[in-house]
Amino acid sequence: MHNHSIRVFEEHSDELLRAIRTLGDFHQQVLSVASLFSQVAMAGGKILIAGNGGSAAEAQHLSDELVGRYRANRRPYPAIALTADPMVITCIGNDYGFENIFSRQIEALGQEGDVFVGLTTSGNSRNILLAAEEAKKRGLKVIAFMGLGGRLADLADIAVVSPSEKAAIVQELHLHAIHLICEALEPNP
């Protein structure tokens, strides 16, 4: 078992390294997101973030980093993780269906000048797609965090595309993007 595990670990790490070596476009996409976040915050808008499963954790991580701090003290960014309130999610899921847990929150909270961030490794999560459609209808900018392929890119103003089709690698690069966004938003030393 030990040798098998080490081999699997090395294969996964090698695949992650291959993806990391091809992040040129990814870095530009992340920089565009950081710039948009700054513009939205300066104009009084907010950042609404959603994902499922591991991507829900990433949504909350991004929100935490924006509202709290990364390294230095800086002004907080107005970010809300739409995944963080289980009562709202279960209420909407029960009354309107799971596919509407985020679109209903966009309908309630989203205003023109805000931004919706949808994290989905496949780019095809139905509840994220419906939220992006609702966001577009309401005049929000849409940011997609996704892997290769997927329909969310067609709805996005900015798509941050992890150069992999493997869900774990995509999510690892989403975390990397979150930290890069925070680096870009840090005050100048």
N, C-alpha and C. Protein backbone atom coordinates (compact mmCIF):
# COMPACT_ATOMS: atom_id res chain seq x y z
N MET A 1 0.82 -1.20 0.00
CA MET A 1 0.00 0.00 0.00
C MET A 1 0.86 1.26 0.00
N HIS A 2 1.92 1.26 0.79
CA HIS A 2 2.76 2.44 0.90
C HIS A 2 3.31 2.86 -0.46
N ASN A 3 3.88 1.92 -1.22
CA ASN A 3 4.44 2.27 -2.53
C ASN A 3 3.37 2.75 -3.49
N HIS A 4 2.19 2.12 -3.42
CA HIS A 4 1.08 2.55 -4.28
C HIS A 4 0.69 3.99 -3.95
N SER A 5 0.58 4.31 -2.66
CA SER A 5 0.19 5.65 -2.24
C SER A 5 1.21 6.68 -2.68
N ILE A 6 2.47 6.39 -2.50
CA ILE A 6 3.52 7.33 -2.91
C ILE A 6 3.44 7.57 -4.41
N ARG A 7 3.23 6.52 -5.20
CA ARG A 7 3.12 6.67 -6.65
C ARG A 7 1.93 7.56 -7.01
N VAL A 8 0.79 7.34 -6.36
CA VAL A 8 -0.40 8.16 -6.61
C VAL A 8 -0.13 9.61 -6.22
N PHE A 9 0.53 9.81 -5.09
CA PHE A 9 0.87 11.16 -4.64
C PHE A 9 1.76 11.85 -5.68
N GLU A 10 2.77 11.13 -6.15
CA GLU A 10 3.69 11.71 -7.13
C GLU A 10 2.98 12.05 -8.43
N GLU A 11 2.08 11.18 -8.88
CA GLU A 11 1.32 11.44 -10.11
C GLU A 11 0.45 12.68 -9.95
N HIS A 12 -0.22 12.80 -8.82
CA HIS A 12 -1.06 13.97 -8.57
C HIS A 12 -0.21 15.23 -8.52
N SER A 13 0.90 15.17 -7.80
CA SER A 13 1.78 16.33 -7.69
C SER A 13 2.36 16.71 -9.05
N ASP A 14 2.73 15.73 -9.86
CA ASP A 14 3.25 16.01 -11.20
C ASP A 14 2.19 16.70 -12.06
N GLU A 15 0.94 16.23 -11.94
CA GLU A 15 -0.13 16.87 -12.72
C GLU A 15 -0.36 18.31 -12.25
N LEU A 16 -0.29 18.55 -10.95
CA LEU A 16 -0.42 19.91 -10.43
C LEU A 16 0.72 20.78 -10.94
N LEU A 17 1.93 20.27 -10.93
CA LEU A 17 3.08 21.04 -11.43
C LEU A 17 2.94 21.35 -12.92
N ARG A 18 2.44 20.40 -13.71
CA ARG A 18 2.21 20.66 -15.14
C ARG A 18 1.22 21.81 -15.31
N ALA A 19 0.15 21.80 -14.52
CA ALA A 19 -0.84 22.87 -14.61
C ALA A 19 -0.24 24.21 -14.17
N ILE A 20 0.54 24.20 -13.11
CA ILE A 20 1.14 25.44 -12.59
C ILE A 20 2.08 26.05 -13.63
N ARG A 21 2.72 25.22 -14.43
CA ARG A 21 3.66 25.73 -15.44
C ARG A 21 2.95 26.41 -16.60
N THR A 22 1.61 26.34 -16.66
CA THR A 22 0.88 26.92 -17.79
C THR A 22 -0.13 27.96 -17.31
N LEU A 23 0.26 28.80 -16.36
CA LEU A 23 -0.68 29.73 -15.74
C LEU A 23 -0.63 31.15 -16.31
N GLY A 24 -0.04 31.35 -17.47
CA GLY A 24 0.04 32.71 -18.04
C GLY A 24 -1.31 33.36 -18.18
N ASP A 25 -2.25 32.73 -18.89
CA ASP A 25 -3.61 33.27 -19.04
C ASP A 25 -4.31 33.35 -17.70
N PHE A 26 -4.14 32.34 -16.89
CA PHE A 26 -4.74 32.27 -15.56
C PHE A 26 -4.35 33.50 -14.74
N HIS A 27 -3.07 33.86 -14.75
CA HIS A 27 -2.61 35.02 -14.00
C HIS A 27 -3.28 36.30 -14.49
N GLN A 28 -3.42 36.45 -15.81
CA GLN A 28 -4.10 37.63 -16.36
C GLN A 28 -5.57 37.66 -15.93
N GLN A 29 -6.21 36.50 -15.94
CA GLN A 29 -7.61 36.41 -15.53
C GLN A 29 -7.77 36.81 -14.06
N VAL A 30 -6.87 36.31 -13.22
CA VAL A 30 -6.92 36.62 -11.78
C VAL A 30 -6.69 38.11 -11.55
N LEU A 31 -5.77 38.70 -12.28
CA LEU A 31 -5.51 40.13 -12.15
C LEU A 31 -6.75 40.93 -12.54
N SER A 32 -7.46 40.49 -13.58
CA SER A 32 -8.70 41.16 -13.99
C SER A 32 -9.76 41.08 -12.90
N VAL A 33 -9.84 39.94 -12.21
CA VAL A 33 -10.79 39.78 -11.11
C VAL A 33 -10.44 40.74 -9.98
N ALA A 34 -9.19 40.80 -9.60
CA ALA A 34 -8.77 41.70 -8.51
C ALA A 34 -9.10 43.14 -8.86
N SER A 35 -8.86 43.51 -10.09
CA SER A 35 -9.16 44.88 -10.54
C SER A 35 -10.66 45.15 -10.47
N LEU A 36 -11.47 44.18 -10.91
CA LEU A 36 -12.92 44.35 -10.84
C LEU A 36 -13.40 44.44 -9.40
N PHE A 37 -12.87 43.61 -8.51
CA PHE A 37 -13.25 43.68 -7.09
C PHE A 37 -12.98 45.08 -6.54
N SER A 38 -11.84 45.63 -6.87
CA SER A 38 -11.47 46.95 -6.39
C SER A 38 -12.45 48.00 -6.92
N GLN A 39 -12.77 47.93 -8.21
CA GLN A 39 -13.72 48.88 -8.82
C GLN A 39 -15.10 48.77 -8.18
N VAL A 40 -15.56 47.54 -7.99
CA VAL A 40 -16.89 47.31 -7.41
C VAL A 40 -16.95 47.88 -5.99
N ALA A 41 -15.93 47.61 -5.20
CA ALA A 41 -15.91 48.09 -3.81
C ALA A 41 -15.87 49.61 -3.76
N MET A 42 -15.06 50.22 -4.63
CA MET A 42 -14.95 51.69 -4.65
C MET A 42 -16.27 52.34 -5.04
N ALA A 43 -17.07 51.65 -5.86
CA ALA A 43 -18.35 52.19 -6.32
C ALA A 43 -19.51 51.85 -5.37
N GLY A 44 -19.21 51.15 -4.26
CA GLY A 44 -20.25 50.83 -3.30
C GLY A 44 -20.99 49.53 -3.57
N GLY A 45 -20.47 48.72 -4.47
CA GLY A 45 -21.10 47.44 -4.77
C GLY A 45 -20.60 46.34 -3.84
N LYS A 46 -21.15 45.14 -4.03
CA LYS A 46 -20.74 44.01 -3.20
C LYS A 46 -20.43 42.81 -4.07
N ILE A 47 -19.77 41.85 -3.45
CA ILE A 47 -19.30 40.64 -4.14
C ILE A 47 -20.06 39.46 -3.54
N LEU A 48 -20.86 38.79 -4.35
CA LEU A 48 -21.67 37.64 -3.93
C LEU A 48 -21.04 36.39 -4.49
N ILE A 49 -20.75 35.40 -3.64
CA ILE A 49 -19.92 34.26 -4.03
C ILE A 49 -20.63 32.95 -3.71
N ALA A 50 -20.57 31.98 -4.65
CA ALA A 50 -21.25 30.70 -4.43
C ALA A 50 -20.49 29.55 -5.07
N GLY A 51 -20.65 28.37 -4.49
CA GLY A 51 -20.10 27.12 -5.02
C GLY A 51 -20.71 25.96 -4.27
N ASN A 52 -20.49 24.76 -4.74
CA ASN A 52 -21.01 23.54 -4.11
C ASN A 52 -19.86 22.69 -3.59
N GLY A 53 -20.08 22.01 -2.46
CA GLY A 53 -19.07 21.10 -1.93
C GLY A 53 -17.77 21.81 -1.63
N GLY A 54 -16.67 21.30 -2.19
CA GLY A 54 -15.37 21.93 -1.99
C GLY A 54 -15.36 23.37 -2.50
N SER A 55 -16.11 23.63 -3.56
CA SER A 55 -16.20 24.99 -4.08
C SER A 55 -16.97 25.91 -3.14
N ALA A 56 -17.87 25.34 -2.33
CA ALA A 56 -18.55 26.13 -1.30
C ALA A 56 -17.53 26.58 -0.25
N ALA A 57 -16.64 25.68 0.11
CA ALA A 57 -15.58 26.03 1.05
C ALA A 57 -14.69 27.13 0.46
N GLU A 58 -14.39 27.04 -0.82
CA GLU A 58 -13.57 28.07 -1.48
C GLU A 58 -14.33 29.40 -1.53
N ALA A 59 -15.66 29.34 -1.73
CA ALA A 59 -16.46 30.57 -1.74
C ALA A 59 -16.36 31.27 -0.39
N GLN A 60 -16.47 30.49 0.68
CA GLN A 60 -16.36 31.07 2.01
C GLN A 60 -14.95 31.54 2.30
N HIS A 61 -13.96 30.82 1.81
CA HIS A 61 -12.56 31.24 2.00
C HIS A 61 -12.33 32.59 1.33
N LEU A 62 -12.81 32.75 0.09
CA LEU A 62 -12.65 34.02 -0.61
C LEU A 62 -13.35 35.15 0.14
N SER A 63 -14.57 34.90 0.58
CA SER A 63 -15.31 35.91 1.33
C SER A 63 -14.57 36.29 2.61
N ASP A 64 -14.08 35.29 3.34
CA ASP A 64 -13.35 35.55 4.58
C ASP A 64 -12.12 36.41 4.35
N GLU A 65 -11.37 36.08 3.30
CA GLU A 65 -10.14 36.83 3.00
C GLU A 65 -10.46 38.27 2.62
N LEU A 66 -11.58 38.49 1.90
CA LEU A 66 -11.93 39.84 1.46
C LEU A 66 -12.46 40.70 2.60
N VAL A 67 -13.32 40.12 3.43
CA VAL A 67 -13.90 40.88 4.54
C VAL A 67 -12.89 41.04 5.67
N GLY A 68 -12.13 40.00 5.95
CA GLY A 68 -11.10 40.07 6.99
C GLY A 68 -9.85 40.72 6.44
N ARG A 69 -8.79 39.95 6.48
CA ARG A 69 -7.55 40.45 5.90
C ARG A 69 -6.73 39.27 5.42
N TYR A 70 -5.77 39.58 4.58
CA TYR A 70 -4.86 38.56 4.07
C TYR A 70 -3.57 38.62 4.88
N ARG A 71 -2.80 39.65 4.69
CA ARG A 71 -1.59 39.86 5.49
C ARG A 71 -1.67 41.19 6.23
N ALA A 72 -1.79 42.25 5.47
CA ALA A 72 -1.75 43.60 6.05
C ALA A 72 -3.17 44.08 6.36
N ASN A 73 -3.25 45.02 7.27
CA ASN A 73 -4.53 45.68 7.51
C ASN A 73 -4.85 46.54 6.29
N ARG A 74 -6.06 46.40 5.81
CA ARG A 74 -6.55 47.18 4.68
C ARG A 74 -8.05 47.30 4.86
N ARG A 75 -8.66 48.14 4.03
CA ARG A 75 -10.10 48.26 4.14
C ARG A 75 -10.74 46.94 3.77
N PRO A 76 -11.86 46.58 4.40
CA PRO A 76 -12.53 45.33 4.04
C PRO A 76 -13.28 45.48 2.71
N TYR A 77 -13.40 44.39 2.01
CA TYR A 77 -14.18 44.35 0.78
C TYR A 77 -15.54 43.74 1.10
N PRO A 78 -16.62 44.31 0.56
CA PRO A 78 -17.98 43.84 0.87
C PRO A 78 -18.30 42.54 0.14
N ALA A 79 -18.03 41.42 0.78
CA ALA A 79 -18.21 40.10 0.16
C ALA A 79 -19.13 39.24 1.03
N ILE A 80 -19.99 38.49 0.36
CA ILE A 80 -20.92 37.59 1.04
C ILE A 80 -20.84 36.23 0.38
N ALA A 81 -20.58 35.20 1.16
CA ALA A 81 -20.64 33.82 0.65
C ALA A 81 -22.09 33.35 0.74
N LEU A 82 -22.70 33.08 -0.39
CA LEU A 82 -24.10 32.65 -0.43
C LEU A 82 -24.26 31.21 0.07
N THR A 83 -23.16 30.58 0.39
CA THR A 83 -23.15 29.21 0.89
C THR A 83 -23.19 29.14 2.41
N ALA A 84 -23.06 30.27 3.08
CA ALA A 84 -22.76 30.27 4.51
C ALA A 84 -23.97 30.20 5.43
N ASP A 85 -25.18 30.34 4.92
CA ASP A 85 -26.36 30.35 5.78
C ASP A 85 -27.21 29.10 5.51
N PRO A 86 -27.04 28.06 6.32
CA PRO A 86 -27.76 26.81 6.05
C PRO A 86 -29.28 26.96 6.14
N MET A 87 -29.78 27.87 6.94
CA MET A 87 -31.22 28.06 7.03
C MET A 87 -31.78 28.60 5.71
N VAL A 88 -31.09 29.58 5.14
CA VAL A 88 -31.53 30.14 3.85
C VAL A 88 -31.45 29.07 2.76
N ILE A 89 -30.34 28.34 2.72
CA ILE A 89 -30.15 27.32 1.69
C ILE A 89 -31.21 26.23 1.79
N THR A 90 -31.48 25.76 3.01
CA THR A 90 -32.47 24.68 3.15
C THR A 90 -33.88 25.19 2.90
N CYS A 91 -34.17 26.42 3.28
CA CYS A 91 -35.49 27.01 3.02
C CYS A 91 -35.72 27.11 1.51
N ILE A 92 -34.77 27.69 0.80
CA ILE A 92 -34.91 27.85 -0.65
C ILE A 92 -34.94 26.47 -1.32
N GLY A 93 -34.04 25.59 -0.89
CA GLY A 93 -33.99 24.24 -1.47
C GLY A 93 -35.30 23.51 -1.29
N ASN A 94 -35.89 23.63 -0.12
CA ASN A 94 -37.16 22.96 0.17
C ASN A 94 -38.31 23.57 -0.63
N ASP A 95 -38.37 24.90 -0.68
CA ASP A 95 -39.51 25.58 -1.31
C ASP A 95 -39.38 25.76 -2.81
N TYR A 96 -38.14 25.91 -3.31
CA TYR A 96 -37.94 26.23 -4.73
C TYR A 96 -37.07 25.23 -5.48
N GLY A 97 -36.44 24.30 -4.77
CA GLY A 97 -35.56 23.33 -5.39
C GLY A 97 -34.10 23.72 -5.25
N PHE A 98 -33.25 22.70 -5.13
CA PHE A 98 -31.82 22.91 -4.92
C PHE A 98 -31.19 23.75 -6.03
N GLU A 99 -31.69 23.62 -7.25
CA GLU A 99 -31.10 24.36 -8.37
C GLU A 99 -31.28 25.87 -8.21
N ASN A 100 -32.14 26.31 -7.30
CA ASN A 100 -32.41 27.74 -7.12
C ASN A 100 -31.82 28.33 -5.84
N ILE A 101 -30.98 27.57 -5.12
CA ILE A 101 -30.48 28.07 -3.83
C ILE A 101 -29.63 29.33 -3.96
N PHE A 102 -28.99 29.52 -5.10
CA PHE A 102 -28.17 30.72 -5.28
C PHE A 102 -28.89 31.79 -6.10
N SER A 103 -29.65 31.40 -7.10
CA SER A 103 -30.35 32.39 -7.93
C SER A 103 -31.36 33.18 -7.09
N ARG A 104 -32.02 32.51 -6.15
CA ARG A 104 -32.99 33.19 -5.28
C ARG A 104 -32.27 34.22 -4.41
N GLN A 105 -31.07 33.90 -3.94
CA GLN A 105 -30.31 34.85 -3.13
C GLN A 105 -29.82 36.02 -3.99
N ILE A 106 -29.47 35.75 -5.23
CA ILE A 106 -29.09 36.83 -6.15
C ILE A 106 -30.29 37.75 -6.36
N GLU A 107 -31.46 37.15 -6.53
CA GLU A 107 -32.69 37.93 -6.70
C GLU A 107 -32.93 38.83 -5.47
N ALA A 108 -32.67 38.31 -4.28
CA ALA A 108 -32.90 39.07 -3.05
C ALA A 108 -31.83 40.12 -2.78
N LEU A 109 -30.57 39.81 -3.07
CA LEU A 109 -29.46 40.65 -2.64
C LEU A 109 -28.75 41.40 -3.76
N GLY A 110 -28.81 40.88 -4.98
CA GLY A 110 -28.02 41.42 -6.08
C GLY A 110 -28.59 42.70 -6.64
N GLN A 111 -27.70 43.65 -6.88
CA GLN A 111 -28.08 44.93 -7.48
C GLN A 111 -27.09 45.28 -8.57
N GLU A 112 -27.53 46.08 -9.50
CA GLU A 112 -26.63 46.54 -10.55
C GLU A 112 -25.40 47.16 -9.91
N GLY A 113 -24.25 46.83 -10.41
CA GLY A 113 -22.99 47.31 -9.82
C GLY A 113 -22.33 46.29 -8.92
N ASP A 114 -23.06 45.23 -8.55
CA ASP A 114 -22.49 44.14 -7.78
C ASP A 114 -21.81 43.15 -8.72
N VAL A 115 -21.17 42.16 -8.13
CA VAL A 115 -20.55 41.10 -8.92
C VAL A 115 -20.92 39.75 -8.31
N PHE A 116 -21.21 38.78 -9.17
CA PHE A 116 -21.46 37.41 -8.73
C PHE A 116 -20.25 36.56 -9.12
N VAL A 117 -19.74 35.80 -8.16
CA VAL A 117 -18.63 34.88 -8.41
C VAL A 117 -19.16 33.47 -8.24
N GLY A 118 -19.11 32.67 -9.31
CA GLY A 118 -19.53 31.28 -9.25
C GLY A 118 -18.33 30.36 -9.38
N LEU A 119 -18.15 29.49 -8.40
CA LEU A 119 -17.07 28.50 -8.44
C LEU A 119 -17.67 27.14 -8.77
N THR A 120 -17.20 26.53 -9.84
CA THR A 120 -17.67 25.21 -10.23
C THR A 120 -16.56 24.52 -11.02
N THR A 121 -16.11 23.38 -10.53
CA THR A 121 -14.99 22.71 -11.20
C THR A 121 -15.37 22.31 -12.62
N SER A 122 -16.61 21.90 -12.83
CA SER A 122 -17.06 21.46 -14.16
C SER A 122 -17.46 22.62 -15.05
N GLY A 123 -17.85 23.73 -14.44
CA GLY A 123 -18.41 24.84 -15.21
C GLY A 123 -19.85 24.61 -15.59
N ASN A 124 -20.46 23.55 -15.07
CA ASN A 124 -21.81 23.18 -15.47
C ASN A 124 -22.78 22.96 -14.31
N SER A 125 -22.43 23.36 -13.10
CA SER A 125 -23.33 23.18 -11.96
C SER A 125 -24.61 23.99 -12.19
N ARG A 126 -25.74 23.31 -12.20
CA ARG A 126 -27.01 23.95 -12.56
C ARG A 126 -27.32 25.15 -11.66
N ASN A 127 -27.12 25.01 -10.36
CA ASN A 127 -27.47 26.13 -9.47
C ASN A 127 -26.54 27.34 -9.67
N ILE A 128 -25.33 27.10 -10.08
CA ILE A 128 -24.40 28.22 -10.39
C ILE A 128 -24.79 28.86 -11.71
N LEU A 129 -25.14 28.05 -12.71
CA LEU A 129 -25.57 28.61 -14.00
C LEU A 129 -26.82 29.47 -13.84
N LEU A 130 -27.79 28.99 -13.07
CA LEU A 130 -29.02 29.77 -12.86
C LEU A 130 -28.73 31.07 -12.10
N ALA A 131 -27.82 31.01 -11.14
CA ALA A 131 -27.43 32.22 -10.42
C ALA A 131 -26.75 33.21 -11.35
N ALA A 132 -25.89 32.72 -12.24
CA ALA A 132 -25.22 33.60 -13.20
C ALA A 132 -26.23 34.23 -14.16
N GLU A 133 -27.21 33.46 -14.59
CA GLU A 133 -28.26 34.01 -15.47
C GLU A 133 -29.05 35.10 -14.75
N GLU A 134 -29.41 34.85 -13.49
CA GLU A 134 -30.14 35.85 -12.70
C GLU A 134 -29.27 37.09 -12.50
N ALA A 135 -28.00 36.89 -12.24
CA ALA A 135 -27.08 38.02 -12.06
C ALA A 135 -27.01 38.87 -13.32
N LYS A 136 -26.90 38.24 -14.46
CA LYS A 136 -26.84 38.98 -15.73
C LYS A 136 -28.11 39.81 -15.93
N LYS A 137 -29.27 39.19 -15.62
CA LYS A 137 -30.55 39.89 -15.77
C LYS A 137 -30.60 41.14 -14.89
N ARG A 138 -29.96 41.08 -13.75
CA ARG A 138 -30.01 42.18 -12.78
C ARG A 138 -28.87 43.18 -12.96
N GLY A 139 -28.02 42.99 -13.95
CA GLY A 139 -26.94 43.94 -14.21
C GLY A 139 -25.69 43.73 -13.40
N LEU A 140 -25.53 42.53 -12.82
CA LEU A 140 -24.30 42.22 -12.09
C LEU A 140 -23.25 41.72 -13.08
N LYS A 141 -22.00 41.96 -12.78
CA LYS A 141 -20.90 41.31 -13.50
C LYS A 141 -20.82 39.88 -12.99
N VAL A 142 -20.39 38.97 -13.86
CA VAL A 142 -20.28 37.55 -13.49
C VAL A 142 -18.84 37.11 -13.67
N ILE A 143 -18.32 36.49 -12.62
CA ILE A 143 -16.98 35.90 -12.66
C ILE A 143 -17.14 34.40 -12.47
N ALA A 144 -16.48 33.64 -13.34
CA ALA A 144 -16.49 32.18 -13.25
C ALA A 144 -15.12 31.71 -12.79
N PHE A 145 -15.10 30.85 -11.79
CA PHE A 145 -13.91 30.08 -11.43
C PHE A 145 -14.23 28.65 -11.81
N MET A 146 -13.48 28.09 -12.74
CA MET A 146 -13.82 26.78 -13.28
C MET A 146 -12.61 26.08 -13.86
N GLY A 147 -12.81 24.83 -14.29
CA GLY A 147 -11.78 24.10 -15.00
C GLY A 147 -12.02 24.24 -16.50
N LEU A 148 -11.36 23.41 -17.26
CA LEU A 148 -11.50 23.46 -18.72
C LEU A 148 -12.90 23.01 -19.13
N GLY A 149 -13.50 23.73 -20.05
CA GLY A 149 -14.83 23.39 -20.53
C GLY A 149 -15.90 23.93 -19.61
N GLY A 150 -17.14 23.72 -19.97
CA GLY A 150 -18.24 24.16 -19.14
C GLY A 150 -18.94 25.39 -19.69
N ARG A 151 -20.24 25.45 -19.44
CA ARG A 151 -21.08 26.51 -19.99
C ARG A 151 -20.97 27.82 -19.23
N LEU A 152 -20.48 27.81 -17.99
CA LEU A 152 -20.42 29.04 -17.21
C LEU A 152 -19.55 30.09 -17.89
N ALA A 153 -18.55 29.67 -18.62
CA ALA A 153 -17.66 30.63 -19.30
C ALA A 153 -18.45 31.53 -20.25
N ASP A 154 -19.52 30.98 -20.86
CA ASP A 154 -20.33 31.76 -21.81
C ASP A 154 -21.11 32.87 -21.12
N LEU A 155 -21.37 32.73 -19.82
CA LEU A 155 -22.11 33.74 -19.08
C LEU A 155 -21.20 34.72 -18.35
N ALA A 156 -19.92 34.43 -18.32
CA ALA A 156 -18.99 35.18 -17.49
C ALA A 156 -18.40 36.39 -18.20
N ASP A 157 -18.27 37.47 -17.44
CA ASP A 157 -17.51 38.62 -17.91
C ASP A 157 -16.02 38.32 -17.82
N ILE A 158 -15.65 37.58 -16.78
CA ILE A 158 -14.27 37.10 -16.61
C ILE A 158 -14.34 35.64 -16.19
N ALA A 159 -13.64 34.78 -16.90
CA ALA A 159 -13.55 33.37 -16.52
C ALA A 159 -12.11 33.07 -16.09
N VAL A 160 -11.96 32.63 -14.86
CA VAL A 160 -10.67 32.18 -14.35
C VAL A 160 -10.66 30.67 -14.55
N VAL A 161 -9.90 30.23 -15.54
CA VAL A 161 -9.94 28.83 -15.96
C VAL A 161 -8.68 28.11 -15.51
N SER A 162 -8.86 27.16 -14.60
CA SER A 162 -7.74 26.33 -14.17
C SER A 162 -7.41 25.36 -15.30
N PRO A 163 -6.15 25.31 -15.74
CA PRO A 163 -5.80 24.48 -16.90
C PRO A 163 -5.73 22.99 -16.55
N SER A 164 -6.87 22.42 -16.17
CA SER A 164 -6.95 21.00 -15.85
C SER A 164 -8.40 20.57 -15.94
N GLU A 165 -8.60 19.28 -16.16
CA GLU A 165 -9.95 18.71 -16.13
C GLU A 165 -10.16 17.90 -14.86
N LYS A 166 -9.13 17.75 -14.05
CA LYS A 166 -9.21 16.99 -12.80
C LYS A 166 -9.72 17.90 -11.68
N ALA A 167 -10.85 17.52 -11.07
CA ALA A 167 -11.51 18.39 -10.09
C ALA A 167 -10.57 18.82 -8.97
N ALA A 168 -9.77 17.92 -8.45
CA ALA A 168 -8.89 18.27 -7.33
C ALA A 168 -7.88 19.34 -7.75
N ILE A 169 -7.32 19.21 -8.93
CA ILE A 169 -6.35 20.20 -9.41
C ILE A 169 -7.04 21.54 -9.63
N VAL A 170 -8.24 21.50 -10.21
CA VAL A 170 -9.00 22.74 -10.43
C VAL A 170 -9.22 23.45 -9.10
N GLN A 171 -9.64 22.72 -8.08
CA GLN A 171 -9.89 23.34 -6.79
C GLN A 171 -8.60 23.85 -6.14
N GLU A 172 -7.52 23.14 -6.30
CA GLU A 172 -6.24 23.61 -5.75
C GLU A 172 -5.83 24.92 -6.42
N LEU A 173 -6.07 25.03 -7.71
CA LEU A 173 -5.73 26.26 -8.41
C LEU A 173 -6.72 27.38 -8.08
N HIS A 174 -7.96 27.05 -7.73
CA HIS A 174 -8.90 28.08 -7.27
C HIS A 174 -8.39 28.69 -5.96
N LEU A 175 -7.89 27.88 -5.07
CA LEU A 175 -7.31 28.40 -3.83
C LEU A 175 -6.10 29.29 -4.14
N HIS A 176 -5.28 28.85 -5.08
CA HIS A 176 -4.14 29.66 -5.51
C HIS A 176 -4.62 31.01 -6.04
N ALA A 177 -5.69 31.00 -6.85
CA ALA A 177 -6.24 32.25 -7.39
C ALA A 177 -6.75 33.16 -6.27
N ILE A 178 -7.40 32.58 -5.28
CA ILE A 178 -7.90 33.37 -4.15
C ILE A 178 -6.75 34.10 -3.47
N HIS A 179 -5.65 33.40 -3.25
CA HIS A 179 -4.51 34.04 -2.60
C HIS A 179 -3.83 35.06 -3.50
N LEU A 180 -3.82 34.81 -4.81
CA LEU A 180 -3.26 35.80 -5.73
C LEU A 180 -4.11 37.07 -5.76
N ILE A 181 -5.43 36.91 -5.72
CA ILE A 181 -6.32 38.07 -5.65
C ILE A 181 -6.00 38.89 -4.40
N CYS A 182 -5.84 38.20 -3.30
CA CYS A 182 -5.51 38.89 -2.05
C CYS A 182 -4.17 39.61 -2.15
N GLU A 183 -3.19 38.97 -2.79
CA GLU A 183 -1.89 39.63 -2.99
C GLU A 183 -2.07 40.91 -3.79
N ALA A 184 -2.89 40.86 -4.83
CA ALA A 184 -3.10 42.03 -5.68
C ALA A 184 -3.82 43.16 -4.93
N LEU A 185 -4.64 42.80 -3.95
CA LEU A 185 -5.40 43.80 -3.20
C LEU A 185 -4.66 44.33 -1.97
N GLU A 186 -3.50 43.75 -1.67
CA GLU A 186 -2.73 44.22 -0.52
C GLU A 186 -2.28 45.66 -0.75
N PRO A 187 -2.23 46.45 0.31
CA PRO A 187 -1.70 47.82 0.16
C PRO A 187 -0.23 47.78 -0.22
N ASN A 188 0.20 48.78 -0.95
CA ASN A 188 1.62 48.85 -1.34
C ASN A 188 2.47 49.02 -0.09
N PRO A 189 3.61 48.29 -0.02
CA PRO A 189 4.47 48.38 1.19
C PRO A 189 5.13 49.72 1.31
